[in-house]
Amino acid sequence: MVLKRKKIARVGAFSTLGIVGVVVLYLALLCHPGLFFSHKFTRGGITLYADEPIPPEPAGRILEEVERRLARSPLAALPRIKDLRIYICNRRWRFGLFATTKYKVGGLAYFPLSNNIFLRTVHFPANRLVGHSGHEVPGARTLSYFIAHEIMHTLVARELGIVKHWRLPAWKNEGYADLVAKGGDFDYERTREQLRRGDRELDPKRSGLYLRYHLLVAYLLDHRGIRVDELLNRDFDPAQLEAEILE
């Protein structure tokens, strides 16, 4: 009986060590995924890595547009734009490997674990990201948008630190990243009327869009004139903000 218990304890210990080992290896892969990406293109402090060749001319235009959009944010002032790595997964299984349970999203940032950002399949000439459906994402959410959006998540996290960033409400985190990444392509009055009508697009859970959050952040920054650091650090009641917007 004693020997059986010892055997069970040894099996349990080895199983635990095995699980810990797998987790450590996976975290190491997230930090150093270069083995899967043999192609590279750099502009400024942003480097694109991909598992397929990167056409330099459209890639350069896209990153130039990303820089223009990021310039709207004080958090993106030089030398903050440095050591940013975008890994483009043109194979569905590869994006699933790095995204795990969030395999349906367009991209993921992994700060504070690393500065690495992972995107799913892209079409560089069209400046488009291919969504989970297999079709290009339409409208204002171009590839430039997705890159700028994920970079802003990383820059906000750098600014706030681990604890404050973990506690940051989704409407601030996603709303501010959306505002910067859209590059000014946002109709405040139209979105306000959509909120008044209760349009589906203004429900993030149903639409997958951040328009509602974008509207709140745009109201605070552009209409009430608060600073970005105030937005990120002060407490606001989103329900009260919506009431003010609709007045």
Protein backbone atom coordinates (compact mmCIF):
# COMPACT_ATOMS: atom_id res chain seq x y z
CA MET A 1 0.00 0.00 0.00
CA VAL A 2 2.86 2.37 0.91
CA LEU A 3 4.69 1.52 -2.33
CA LYS A 4 1.49 2.20 -4.31
CA ARG A 5 1.12 5.61 -2.69
CA LYS A 6 4.74 6.46 -3.45
CA LYS A 7 4.24 5.42 -7.07
CA ILE A 8 1.14 7.61 -7.35
CA ALA A 9 3.05 10.53 -5.78
CA ARG A 10 5.93 10.08 -8.27
CA VAL A 11 3.51 9.97 -11.22
CA GLY A 12 1.78 13.10 -9.92
CA ALA A 13 5.11 14.91 -9.49
CA PHE A 14 6.29 13.98 -12.98
CA SER A 15 2.94 15.04 -14.46
CA THR A 16 3.17 18.41 -12.71
CA LEU A 17 6.73 18.91 -13.93
CA GLY A 18 5.63 17.99 -17.43
CA ILE A 19 2.80 20.54 -17.40
CA VAL A 20 5.11 23.23 -16.00
CA GLY A 21 7.66 22.39 -18.68
CA VAL A 22 5.10 22.73 -21.47
CA VAL A 23 3.93 26.09 -20.10
CA VAL A 24 7.51 27.38 -19.87
CA LEU A 25 8.28 26.23 -23.41
CA TYR A 26 5.11 27.89 -24.72
CA LEU A 27 5.93 31.19 -22.98
CA ALA A 28 9.42 30.99 -24.46
CA LEU A 29 7.85 30.47 -27.90
CA LEU A 30 5.66 33.57 -27.47
CA CYS A 31 8.76 35.60 -26.60
CA HIS A 32 10.98 34.12 -29.32
CA PRO A 33 8.80 32.94 -32.23
CA GLY A 34 11.39 33.67 -34.94
CA LEU A 35 11.78 30.02 -35.87
CA PHE A 36 8.39 30.19 -37.60
CA PHE A 37 8.99 33.47 -39.47
CA SER A 38 11.81 33.63 -42.01
CA HIS A 39 10.95 36.94 -43.73
CA LYS A 40 11.53 40.43 -42.31
CA PHE A 41 10.91 44.10 -43.13
CA THR A 42 11.80 47.09 -40.93
CA ARG A 43 10.78 50.73 -40.97
CA GLY A 44 11.71 52.96 -38.04
CA GLY A 45 11.08 51.15 -34.78
CA ILE A 46 8.61 48.64 -36.26
CA THR A 47 9.67 45.30 -37.74
CA LEU A 48 7.36 43.01 -39.66
CA TYR A 49 8.07 39.28 -39.61
CA ALA A 50 6.18 36.83 -41.80
CA ASP A 51 6.08 33.21 -42.85
CA GLU A 52 5.82 34.32 -46.51
CA PRO A 53 7.80 36.95 -48.47
CA ILE A 54 6.97 40.57 -47.58
CA PRO A 55 6.61 42.90 -50.60
CA PRO A 56 8.72 45.93 -49.59
CA GLU A 57 6.84 48.66 -51.48
CA PRO A 58 3.34 48.09 -50.04
CA ALA A 59 4.80 47.13 -46.65
CA GLY A 60 6.64 50.46 -46.54
CA ARG A 61 3.46 52.38 -47.42
CA ILE A 62 1.50 50.53 -44.75
CA LEU A 63 4.02 51.24 -42.01
CA GLU A 64 4.23 54.87 -43.11
CA GLU A 65 0.48 55.09 -42.62
CA VAL A 66 0.79 53.36 -39.24
CA GLU A 67 3.31 56.01 -38.17
CA ARG A 68 0.96 58.78 -39.29
CA ARG A 69 -1.87 57.35 -37.22
CA LEU A 70 0.28 56.76 -34.16
CA ALA A 71 1.50 60.37 -34.32
CA ARG A 72 -1.93 61.39 -33.00
CA SER A 73 -1.03 59.93 -29.60
CA PRO A 74 1.46 61.48 -27.16
CA LEU A 75 2.24 57.94 -26.04
CA ALA A 76 3.76 57.27 -29.47
CA ALA A 77 6.23 60.17 -29.39
CA LEU A 78 9.83 59.18 -30.11
CA PRO A 79 11.71 57.30 -28.74
CA ARG A 80 8.70 55.24 -27.59
CA ILE A 81 8.29 53.65 -31.04
CA LYS A 82 11.10 51.13 -30.82
CA ASP A 83 11.60 47.39 -30.64
CA LEU A 84 8.04 46.67 -31.83
CA ARG A 85 7.73 43.31 -33.58
CA ILE A 86 4.71 42.32 -35.69
CA TYR A 87 4.48 38.61 -36.56
CA ILE A 88 2.17 37.87 -39.49
CA CYS A 89 0.74 34.36 -39.53
CA ASN A 90 -0.36 33.53 -43.07
CA ARG A 91 -1.25 30.00 -42.03
CA ARG A 92 -4.40 29.54 -39.95
CA TRP A 93 -2.80 26.89 -37.74
CA ARG A 94 0.13 29.18 -37.01
CA PHE A 95 -2.08 32.02 -35.80
CA GLY A 96 -4.04 29.49 -33.73
CA LEU A 97 -0.78 28.37 -32.13
CA PHE A 98 -0.01 31.87 -30.88
CA ALA A 99 -3.59 33.05 -30.26
CA THR A 100 -4.88 29.83 -28.57
CA THR A 101 -8.44 30.51 -27.33
CA LYS A 102 -8.57 33.93 -29.03
CA TYR A 103 -8.09 32.45 -32.49
CA LYS A 104 -11.01 34.47 -33.95
CA VAL A 105 -9.50 37.92 -33.29
CA GLY A 106 -7.53 39.94 -35.84
CA GLY A 107 -4.44 40.42 -33.70
CA LEU A 108 -2.96 40.07 -30.24
CA ALA A 109 -0.42 42.00 -28.17
CA TYR A 110 1.45 40.14 -25.42
CA PHE A 111 2.82 42.91 -23.20
CA PRO A 112 4.34 42.63 -20.56
CA LEU A 113 5.51 39.18 -21.61
CA SER A 114 7.12 40.71 -24.70
CA ASN A 115 6.72 43.47 -27.30
CA ASN A 116 5.54 40.86 -29.81
CA ILE A 117 2.28 41.34 -31.70
CA PHE A 118 0.68 38.56 -33.75
CA LEU A 119 -1.64 39.13 -36.73
CA ARG A 120 -3.52 36.65 -38.86
CA THR A 121 -3.28 36.41 -42.69
CA VAL A 122 -2.78 39.70 -44.56
CA HIS A 123 -2.88 41.00 -48.15
CA PHE A 124 -0.16 43.64 -48.36
CA PRO A 125 -1.06 45.12 -51.78
CA ALA A 126 -4.67 45.73 -50.66
CA ASN A 127 -3.67 46.86 -47.13
CA ARG A 128 -6.12 44.32 -45.73
CA LEU A 129 -6.22 41.70 -43.00
CA VAL A 130 -8.07 38.44 -43.66
CA GLY A 131 -10.53 37.67 -40.88
CA HIS A 132 -11.48 34.37 -39.29
CA SER A 133 -14.18 33.99 -41.98
CA GLY A 134 -11.52 33.81 -44.69
CA HIS A 135 -12.60 37.14 -46.20
CA GLU A 136 -10.79 40.47 -46.07
CA VAL A 137 -11.97 42.73 -43.25
CA PRO A 138 -13.80 45.62 -44.99
CA GLY A 139 -14.20 49.32 -44.29
CA ALA A 140 -12.03 51.48 -42.08
CA ARG A 141 -10.30 48.53 -40.42
CA THR A 142 -7.38 48.20 -42.82
CA LEU A 143 -4.13 46.37 -42.12
CA SER A 144 -2.68 49.73 -41.07
CA TYR A 145 -5.54 50.01 -38.58
CA PHE A 146 -4.91 46.58 -37.05
CA ILE A 147 -1.16 47.20 -36.70
CA ALA A 148 -1.67 50.63 -35.12
CA HIS A 149 -4.41 49.28 -32.83
CA GLU A 150 -2.23 46.51 -31.38
CA ILE A 151 0.77 48.84 -31.07
CA MET A 152 -1.34 51.25 -29.04
CA HIS A 153 -2.22 48.44 -26.64
CA THR A 154 1.49 47.87 -26.13
CA LEU A 155 2.24 51.58 -25.66
CA VAL A 156 -0.62 52.05 -23.18
CA ALA A 157 0.60 49.03 -21.22
CA ARG A 158 4.15 50.42 -21.17
CA GLU A 159 2.82 53.74 -19.92
CA LEU A 160 0.66 52.34 -17.11
CA GLY A 161 2.67 49.34 -15.98
CA ILE A 162 1.42 45.82 -15.34
CA VAL A 163 -1.02 46.42 -12.47
CA LYS A 164 -2.67 49.60 -13.77
CA HIS A 165 -2.95 48.16 -17.26
CA TRP A 166 -4.54 44.97 -15.94
CA ARG A 167 -7.15 47.09 -14.13
CA LEU A 168 -7.82 49.39 -17.11
CA PRO A 169 -11.49 49.10 -18.22
CA ALA A 170 -12.06 47.62 -21.66
CA TRP A 171 -13.85 50.76 -22.88
CA LYS A 172 -10.72 52.83 -22.25
CA ASN A 173 -8.25 50.25 -23.53
CA GLU A 174 -10.10 49.39 -26.73
CA GLY A 175 -11.66 52.82 -27.23
CA TYR A 176 -8.37 54.70 -27.16
CA ALA A 177 -6.61 52.13 -29.37
CA ASP A 178 -9.52 52.38 -31.82
CA LEU A 179 -9.46 56.18 -31.85
CA VAL A 180 -5.74 56.33 -32.66
CA ALA A 181 -5.79 53.44 -35.12
CA LYS A 182 -8.71 54.89 -37.12
CA GLY A 183 -6.54 57.92 -37.92
CA GLY A 184 -9.43 60.37 -37.75
CA ASP A 185 -11.80 58.21 -39.83
CA PHE A 186 -14.70 58.59 -37.38
CA ASP A 187 -18.03 60.39 -37.62
CA TYR A 188 -18.88 61.50 -34.08
CA GLU A 189 -22.40 62.75 -34.81
CA ARG A 190 -23.36 59.69 -36.83
CA THR A 191 -22.07 57.37 -34.09
CA ARG A 192 -23.92 59.38 -31.44
CA GLU A 193 -27.18 58.87 -33.36
CA GLN A 194 -26.42 55.17 -33.67
CA LEU A 195 -26.06 55.04 -29.89
CA ARG A 196 -29.38 56.85 -29.50
CA ARG A 197 -31.09 54.31 -31.77
CA GLY A 198 -29.42 51.31 -30.09
CA ASP A 199 -27.83 50.09 -33.33
CA ARG A 200 -26.22 46.66 -33.31
CA GLU A 201 -22.87 48.18 -34.35
CA LEU A 202 -22.72 49.96 -30.99
CA ASP A 203 -22.89 46.65 -29.08
CA PRO A 204 -19.31 45.31 -28.88
CA LYS A 205 -20.46 41.81 -27.87
CA ARG A 206 -22.79 41.45 -30.84
CA SER A 207 -20.82 43.31 -33.51
CA GLY A 208 -17.21 42.73 -32.44
CA LEU A 209 -16.61 46.44 -33.02
CA TYR A 210 -15.37 49.09 -30.60
CA LEU A 211 -17.47 52.02 -31.88
CA ARG A 212 -19.24 52.48 -28.55
CA TYR A 213 -15.93 52.67 -26.70
CA HIS A 214 -14.47 54.92 -29.41
CA LEU A 215 -17.40 57.30 -28.96
CA LEU A 216 -16.81 57.57 -25.20
CA VAL A 217 -13.09 58.25 -25.63
CA ALA A 218 -13.69 60.76 -28.44
CA TYR A 219 -16.20 62.60 -26.25
CA LEU A 220 -13.70 62.91 -23.38
CA LEU A 221 -10.66 63.84 -25.49
CA ASP A 222 -12.20 65.93 -28.27
CA HIS A 223 -15.31 67.41 -26.65
CA ARG A 224 -14.43 67.74 -22.99
CA GLY A 225 -10.77 68.38 -23.75
CA ILE A 226 -9.19 66.11 -21.17
CA ARG A 227 -5.63 64.84 -21.61
CA VAL A 228 -4.71 61.26 -22.48
CA ASP A 229 -3.07 60.71 -19.09
CA GLU A 230 -6.32 61.85 -17.42
CA LEU A 231 -8.32 59.47 -19.58
CA LEU A 232 -6.16 56.53 -18.55
CA ASN A 233 -5.81 57.37 -14.86
CA ARG A 234 -9.09 59.02 -13.79
CA ASP A 235 -12.29 57.15 -12.98
CA PHE A 236 -15.26 57.78 -15.25
CA ASP A 237 -18.71 56.26 -15.25
CA PRO A 238 -19.39 55.13 -18.85
CA ALA A 239 -23.17 55.20 -18.27
CA GLN A 240 -22.94 58.83 -17.16
CA LEU A 241 -20.75 59.67 -20.15
CA GLU A 242 -23.32 58.14 -22.50
CA ALA A 243 -26.06 60.21 -20.87
CA GLU A 244 -23.99 63.37 -21.43
CA ILE A 245 -23.32 62.42 -25.06
CA LEU A 246 -27.04 61.95 -25.71
CA GLU A 247 -28.15 65.20 -24.08
